[in-house]
Amino acid sequence: MDTRSHTSVVHIKIQITFILIALVASGCQTPFVNSFLTSVATEDHKEQFSGVSDLSASTNPLETIPLEFTFLRYADDDLELGNELWEVIDEQCLPTGLRHRLNGNGIRAGVINGDIPAALAKRFSATFDITQGEADDSPLAADRTVVKRVIQTLPGQTNEIVSTPRLEELILLEHDSRSTVDAVSGQTYRDASAVFDVRATPSADGGIEIELVPIIRHGPIERNWTGDDGAFRLEAGQRKTVMNKLEIKLNLPADGMFILSSVGPPSSGLGDAFFRDPQGRHEGRRLLAVRVMTRTVDPMFTEDSVAHSQD
């Protein structure tokens, strides 16, 4: 190699060295080592940190929805909570087919818009709040004339409200009102309880979209693998029979109250399982009143908690 070519190579090496030093000093990343892996990792980190930044800068932290559930027992011949009350309840808010299926299974449902009738408000005044320490599936709670439960739920979260605590045996007749012929099927459940599966999401008018499904939990406690978002976990619980065809979906205004109760004389229908005492200790029936309270911010999703999680 002659002196001229050797000198040019040296000059090139020196220039490359100065360029590298300048890049490092200016804080720029060099694309020479692991360029593909580095670029992918950089994009991932950008997405992760941009998401955290957007969440912490958000002025609308995730809100919980406070729901109040009140069970009220009353006599069959109580006119104030019977015919007079249902005269002010809007049952037309439910589709005609759903109303027929509910009535065929002994359930009546509708919404009170605006002020609560004085007779109903008076009965609610002597409320025993089970949030003071008594479990909602306790037999003692079922013996109370008025029982209230308040829950804080995230939008779309599943919540189970126990209507009838566990019974050794529950005989249930289900009416299939979807066809022109009223087909009846019977089932006996062991160690059964009547439960409402409830979900709520905020609506644009300040109220909520509420979904409610009757469920019968029954049988011994079993362990089962369940999948959620690609992850599997082992859960213990009873089997459940979900009455999907009786699922209720409606818009509950901010000043509204959702009312459910049984309809018709005592029988072994679904309405009796949820709103009458299957053991015969109490006469009459119960109604369930659901209303949304003032929304609050979940402390798990406040700006301070998000900022703290970044530290």
Protein backbone atom coordinates (compact mmCIF):
# COMPACT_ATOMS: atom_id res chain seq x y z
CA MET A 1 0.00 0.00 0.00
CA ASP A 2 1.47 3.36 -0.95
CA THR A 3 1.76 6.32 1.40
CA ARG A 4 -1.07 8.25 -0.30
CA SER A 5 -3.69 5.50 0.09
CA HIS A 6 -2.59 4.80 3.67
CA THR A 7 -3.00 8.47 4.52
CA SER A 8 -6.54 8.58 3.05
CA VAL A 9 -7.60 5.53 5.13
CA VAL A 10 -6.29 7.18 8.26
CA HIS A 11 -8.20 10.37 7.43
CA ILE A 12 -11.45 8.37 6.93
CA LYS A 13 -11.02 6.59 10.27
CA ILE A 14 -10.39 9.90 12.00
CA GLN A 15 -13.53 11.43 10.41
CA ILE A 16 -15.68 8.45 11.47
CA THR A 17 -14.31 8.71 14.99
CA PHE A 18 -15.16 12.41 15.19
CA ILE A 19 -18.66 11.74 13.85
CA LEU A 20 -19.29 9.08 16.50
CA ILE A 21 -18.03 11.38 19.25
CA ALA A 22 -20.27 14.18 18.00
CA LEU A 23 -23.33 11.92 17.91
CA VAL A 24 -22.75 10.62 21.44
CA ALA A 25 -22.12 14.13 22.76
CA SER A 26 -25.34 15.40 21.20
CA GLY A 27 -27.40 12.58 22.77
CA CYS A 28 -28.34 10.93 19.49
CA GLN A 29 -28.69 7.17 19.22
CA THR A 30 -26.31 5.35 16.93
CA PRO A 31 -27.98 2.97 14.49
CA PHE A 32 -24.93 0.77 14.05
CA VAL A 33 -25.40 -1.85 16.76
CA ASN A 34 -28.55 -3.99 16.89
CA SER A 35 -30.37 -1.42 14.77
CA PHE A 36 -33.48 -3.57 14.20
CA LEU A 37 -33.95 -4.61 17.85
CA THR A 38 -33.19 -1.11 19.08
CA SER A 39 -35.75 0.50 16.79
CA VAL A 40 -38.48 -1.98 17.80
CA ALA A 41 -37.78 -1.55 21.50
CA THR A 42 -37.77 2.22 21.11
CA GLU A 43 -41.18 2.19 19.45
CA ASP A 44 -42.59 -0.04 22.21
CA HIS A 45 -41.30 2.26 24.92
CA LYS A 46 -42.71 5.27 23.11
CA GLU A 47 -46.16 3.67 23.03
CA GLN A 48 -45.96 2.65 26.69
CA PHE A 49 -44.83 6.02 27.96
CA SER A 50 -47.18 7.94 25.68
CA GLY A 51 -50.08 5.93 27.13
CA VAL A 52 -49.02 6.69 30.69
CA SER A 53 -48.53 10.33 29.85
CA ASP A 54 -51.98 10.60 28.31
CA LEU A 55 -53.58 8.91 31.34
CA SER A 56 -51.84 11.13 33.85
CA ALA A 57 -52.66 14.25 31.86
CA SER A 58 -56.30 13.27 31.46
CA THR A 59 -58.82 15.51 33.17
CA ASN A 60 -61.38 12.68 33.26
CA PRO A 61 -60.11 9.93 35.58
CA LEU A 62 -62.09 6.72 35.56
CA GLU A 63 -65.31 7.11 37.53
CA THR A 64 -67.15 4.49 39.51
CA ILE A 65 -70.93 4.24 39.38
CA PRO A 66 -72.63 4.06 42.80
CA LEU A 67 -75.75 1.90 42.62
CA GLU A 68 -78.30 1.55 45.40
CA PHE A 69 -80.32 -1.68 45.66
CA THR A 70 -83.28 -1.72 48.06
CA PHE A 71 -85.41 -4.79 48.83
CA LEU A 72 -88.81 -4.04 50.39
CA ARG A 73 -91.22 -6.68 51.69
CA TYR A 74 -94.97 -5.99 51.52
CA ALA A 75 -98.26 -7.88 51.78
CA ASP A 76 -100.16 -9.14 48.74
CA ASP A 77 -103.15 -6.94 49.65
CA ASP A 78 -101.03 -3.79 50.10
CA LEU A 79 -102.63 -1.42 47.59
CA GLU A 80 -100.03 1.33 48.00
CA LEU A 81 -97.23 -0.95 46.83
CA GLY A 82 -99.48 -2.99 44.58
CA ASN A 83 -101.80 -1.62 41.93
CA GLU A 84 -101.40 2.03 42.96
CA LEU A 85 -97.63 1.88 42.64
CA TRP A 86 -97.67 0.13 39.27
CA GLU A 87 -99.94 2.85 37.89
CA VAL A 88 -96.99 5.28 38.03
CA ILE A 89 -94.37 2.78 36.84
CA ASP A 90 -93.53 2.87 33.15
CA GLU A 91 -93.48 -0.73 31.93
CA GLN A 92 -93.49 0.34 28.27
CA CYS A 93 -89.76 1.09 28.49
CA LEU A 94 -89.21 -2.63 27.95
CA PRO A 95 -89.81 -4.35 24.60
CA THR A 96 -93.19 -6.07 24.28
CA GLY A 97 -91.69 -9.53 23.80
CA LEU A 98 -89.49 -9.19 26.87
CA ARG A 99 -92.42 -8.01 29.00
CA HIS A 100 -94.41 -11.10 27.95
CA ARG A 101 -91.52 -13.41 28.80
CA LEU A 102 -91.02 -11.75 32.18
CA ASN A 103 -94.72 -11.86 33.04
CA GLY A 104 -94.93 -15.47 31.92
CA ASN A 105 -92.24 -16.26 34.48
CA GLY A 106 -93.84 -14.21 37.24
CA ILE A 107 -91.72 -11.05 37.02
CA ARG A 108 -92.87 -7.47 36.55
CA ALA A 109 -90.48 -4.60 35.80
CA GLY A 110 -90.52 -0.91 34.93
CA VAL A 111 -89.11 2.55 35.68
CA ILE A 112 -90.33 5.41 37.87
CA ASN A 113 -89.33 8.73 36.31
CA GLY A 114 -88.93 11.78 38.53
CA ASP A 115 -90.15 11.93 42.11
CA ILE A 116 -90.68 8.69 44.03
CA PRO A 117 -94.28 8.18 45.21
CA ALA A 118 -94.76 9.25 48.83
CA ALA A 119 -95.96 5.80 49.91
CA LEU A 120 -92.78 4.18 48.58
CA ALA A 121 -90.48 6.85 50.04
CA LYS A 122 -92.13 6.38 53.46
CA ARG A 123 -91.47 2.64 53.39
CA PHE A 124 -87.83 3.21 52.46
CA SER A 125 -87.26 5.46 55.49
CA ALA A 126 -86.84 2.52 57.92
CA THR A 127 -83.92 1.02 56.03
CA PHE A 128 -81.50 -1.56 57.35
CA ASP A 129 -78.24 -1.04 55.54
CA ILE A 130 -76.36 -4.32 55.10
CA THR A 131 -73.19 -2.40 54.35
CA GLN A 132 -73.00 -1.92 58.13
CA GLY A 133 -71.67 -5.44 58.49
CA GLU A 134 -74.24 -8.09 57.58
CA ALA A 135 -73.62 -10.13 54.45
CA ASP A 136 -76.18 -9.75 51.68
CA ASP A 137 -76.56 -13.54 51.43
CA SER A 138 -77.24 -13.89 55.14
CA PRO A 139 -80.62 -15.44 56.07
CA LEU A 140 -81.03 -12.59 58.57
CA ALA A 141 -80.84 -10.06 55.76
CA ALA A 142 -83.65 -11.89 53.96
CA ASP A 143 -85.79 -11.61 57.10
CA ARG A 144 -85.64 -7.81 57.15
CA THR A 145 -88.58 -5.81 55.85
CA VAL A 146 -86.28 -3.30 54.16
CA VAL A 147 -82.72 -4.08 53.13
CA LYS A 148 -80.43 -1.69 51.27
CA ARG A 149 -77.09 -2.30 49.60
CA VAL A 150 -74.88 0.31 47.93
CA ILE A 151 -72.09 -0.79 45.60
CA GLN A 152 -69.39 1.09 43.71
CA THR A 153 -68.94 -0.47 40.29
CA LEU A 154 -66.70 0.28 37.36
CA PRO A 155 -68.41 0.67 33.97
CA GLY A 156 -69.26 -2.73 32.53
CA GLN A 157 -68.16 -4.61 35.65
CA THR A 158 -70.18 -7.66 36.70
CA ASN A 159 -71.90 -7.46 40.10
CA GLU A 160 -74.01 -10.15 41.75
CA ILE A 161 -76.94 -9.10 43.93
CA VAL A 162 -78.33 -11.93 46.05
CA SER A 163 -82.12 -11.86 46.10
CA THR A 164 -82.77 -15.20 47.84
CA PRO A 165 -80.05 -16.81 50.02
CA ARG A 166 -79.10 -20.43 49.64
CA LEU A 167 -81.85 -23.02 49.91
CA GLU A 168 -81.42 -26.75 50.33
CA GLU A 169 -83.90 -27.32 47.51
CA LEU A 170 -85.50 -25.02 44.96
CA ILE A 171 -88.21 -26.31 42.63
CA LEU A 172 -88.51 -24.01 39.64
CA LEU A 173 -90.98 -23.97 36.74
CA GLU A 174 -89.83 -22.01 33.71
CA HIS A 175 -92.30 -20.78 31.10
CA ASP A 176 -91.06 -20.42 27.55
CA SER A 177 -93.16 -17.49 26.34
CA ARG A 178 -91.25 -17.08 23.09
CA SER A 179 -93.52 -19.47 21.20
CA THR A 180 -97.26 -19.43 20.62
CA VAL A 181 -97.55 -22.46 22.88
CA ASP A 182 -96.64 -21.76 26.51
CA ALA A 183 -94.21 -24.61 27.16
CA VAL A 184 -93.36 -25.28 30.80
CA SER A 185 -90.25 -27.05 32.00
CA GLY A 186 -89.38 -27.95 35.58
CA GLN A 187 -86.09 -28.27 37.39
CA THR A 188 -85.04 -29.01 40.97
CA TYR A 189 -81.90 -27.25 42.18
CA ARG A 190 -79.92 -28.25 45.27
CA ASP A 191 -78.14 -25.71 47.48
CA ALA A 192 -79.59 -22.98 45.30
CA SER A 193 -79.71 -19.21 45.53
CA ALA A 194 -81.40 -16.61 43.31
CA VAL A 195 -79.00 -13.93 42.10
CA PHE A 196 -79.16 -10.93 39.76
CA ASP A 197 -76.13 -10.30 37.55
CA VAL A 198 -75.97 -6.50 37.12
CA ARG A 199 -73.80 -4.32 34.91
CA ALA A 200 -73.93 -0.56 34.38
CA THR A 201 -72.30 1.91 32.00
CA PRO A 202 -72.68 5.71 31.93
CA SER A 203 -75.03 7.24 29.37
CA ALA A 204 -74.82 10.64 27.71
CA ASP A 205 -77.84 12.05 29.59
CA GLY A 206 -76.26 11.56 33.02
CA GLY A 207 -78.03 8.28 33.72
CA ILE A 208 -76.83 4.75 33.12
CA GLU A 209 -77.36 1.86 30.75
CA ILE A 210 -78.20 -1.06 33.02
CA GLU A 211 -78.14 -4.77 32.20
CA LEU A 212 -79.73 -7.27 34.58
CA VAL A 213 -79.90 -11.05 34.21
CA PRO A 214 -81.56 -13.55 36.63
CA ILE A 215 -79.24 -16.39 37.64
CA ILE A 216 -79.71 -19.51 39.75
CA ARG A 217 -76.52 -20.63 41.50
CA HIS A 218 -76.69 -24.23 42.62
CA GLY A 219 -74.81 -27.38 43.56
CA PRO A 220 -71.55 -27.92 45.44
CA ILE A 221 -68.51 -25.67 45.19
CA GLU A 222 -66.39 -26.74 42.22
CA ARG A 223 -63.04 -25.69 40.82
CA ASN A 224 -62.97 -24.76 37.15
CA TRP A 225 -60.49 -23.19 34.77
CA THR A 226 -61.77 -19.97 33.25
CA GLY A 227 -60.22 -17.88 30.49
CA ASP A 228 -60.19 -14.09 30.29
CA ASP A 229 -58.17 -11.98 27.83
CA GLY A 230 -55.95 -14.92 26.95
CA ALA A 231 -55.14 -15.77 30.58
CA PHE A 232 -56.43 -18.82 32.43
CA ARG A 233 -57.10 -19.00 36.15
CA LEU A 234 -58.58 -21.51 38.54
CA GLU A 235 -61.81 -20.37 40.16
CA ALA A 236 -64.00 -21.98 42.79
CA GLY A 237 -67.76 -21.56 42.73
CA GLN A 238 -71.15 -23.11 42.17
CA ARG A 239 -72.67 -23.94 38.84
CA LYS A 240 -75.07 -21.36 37.50
CA THR A 241 -78.11 -21.40 35.27
CA VAL A 242 -78.35 -18.09 33.41
CA MET A 243 -81.81 -16.94 32.24
CA ASN A 244 -80.50 -15.20 29.13
CA LYS A 245 -83.91 -14.82 27.48
CA LEU A 246 -85.03 -12.73 30.49
CA GLU A 247 -82.10 -10.31 30.31
CA ILE A 248 -83.20 -6.70 30.83
CA LYS A 249 -81.39 -3.81 29.13
CA LEU A 250 -82.64 -0.27 29.60
CA ASN A 251 -81.64 3.35 30.00
CA LEU A 252 -82.15 4.46 33.61
CA PRO A 253 -82.29 8.28 33.90
CA ALA A 254 -80.36 10.05 36.65
CA ASP A 255 -83.65 10.80 38.46
CA GLY A 256 -85.18 7.40 37.70
CA MET A 257 -85.73 4.26 39.75
CA PHE A 258 -85.87 0.75 38.30
CA ILE A 259 -88.51 -1.47 39.98
CA LEU A 260 -88.83 -5.26 39.83
CA SER A 261 -91.21 -7.57 41.67
CA SER A 262 -93.27 -10.70 41.24
CA VAL A 263 -96.68 -10.83 39.61
CA GLY A 264 -99.61 -13.20 40.06
CA PRO A 265 -100.51 -15.63 42.84
CA PRO A 266 -97.85 -17.79 44.54
CA SER A 267 -96.41 -20.48 42.30
CA SER A 268 -93.08 -22.14 41.63
CA GLY A 269 -92.11 -19.64 38.97
CA LEU A 270 -88.98 -17.55 38.68
CA GLY A 271 -90.71 -14.51 40.19
CA ASP A 272 -91.42 -16.44 43.38
CA ALA A 273 -87.84 -17.70 43.57
CA PHE A 274 -86.58 -14.11 43.52
CA PHE A 275 -89.32 -12.15 45.30
CA ARG A 276 -91.19 -14.54 47.61
CA ASP A 277 -89.96 -16.60 50.53
CA PRO A 278 -89.66 -20.15 49.14
CA GLN A 279 -89.44 -21.50 52.70
CA GLY A 280 -92.78 -19.94 53.64
CA ARG A 281 -91.49 -18.04 56.68
CA HIS A 282 -92.81 -14.71 55.38
CA GLU A 283 -96.05 -13.96 53.61
CA GLY A 284 -96.36 -11.51 50.76
CA ARG A 285 -93.64 -10.57 48.32
CA ARG A 286 -90.71 -8.22 47.89
CA LEU A 287 -89.81 -5.59 45.35
CA LEU A 288 -86.36 -4.49 44.27
CA ALA A 289 -85.65 -0.81 43.63
CA VAL A 290 -82.46 0.22 41.81
CA ARG A 291 -81.24 3.76 41.40
CA VAL A 292 -77.98 5.47 40.51
CA MET A 293 -76.40 7.82 43.02
CA THR A 294 -73.84 10.61 42.52
CA ARG A 295 -70.82 9.29 40.69
CA THR A 296 -67.43 9.37 42.37
CA VAL A 297 -63.87 9.01 41.15
CA ASP A 298 -62.25 5.67 41.90
CA PRO A 299 -59.13 6.44 44.00
CA MET A 300 -57.30 3.69 42.07
CA PHE A 301 -57.47 5.86 38.95
CA THR A 302 -56.81 9.38 40.24
CA GLU A 303 -54.00 11.50 38.82
CA ASP A 304 -52.01 11.16 42.06
CA SER A 305 -52.17 7.36 41.96
CA VAL A 306 -51.13 7.29 38.30
CA ALA A 307 -48.24 9.68 38.97
CA HIS A 308 -47.20 7.56 41.95
CA SER A 309 -47.22 4.42 39.82
CA GLN A 310 -44.71 6.06 37.46
CA ASP A 311 -42.18 6.75 40.23
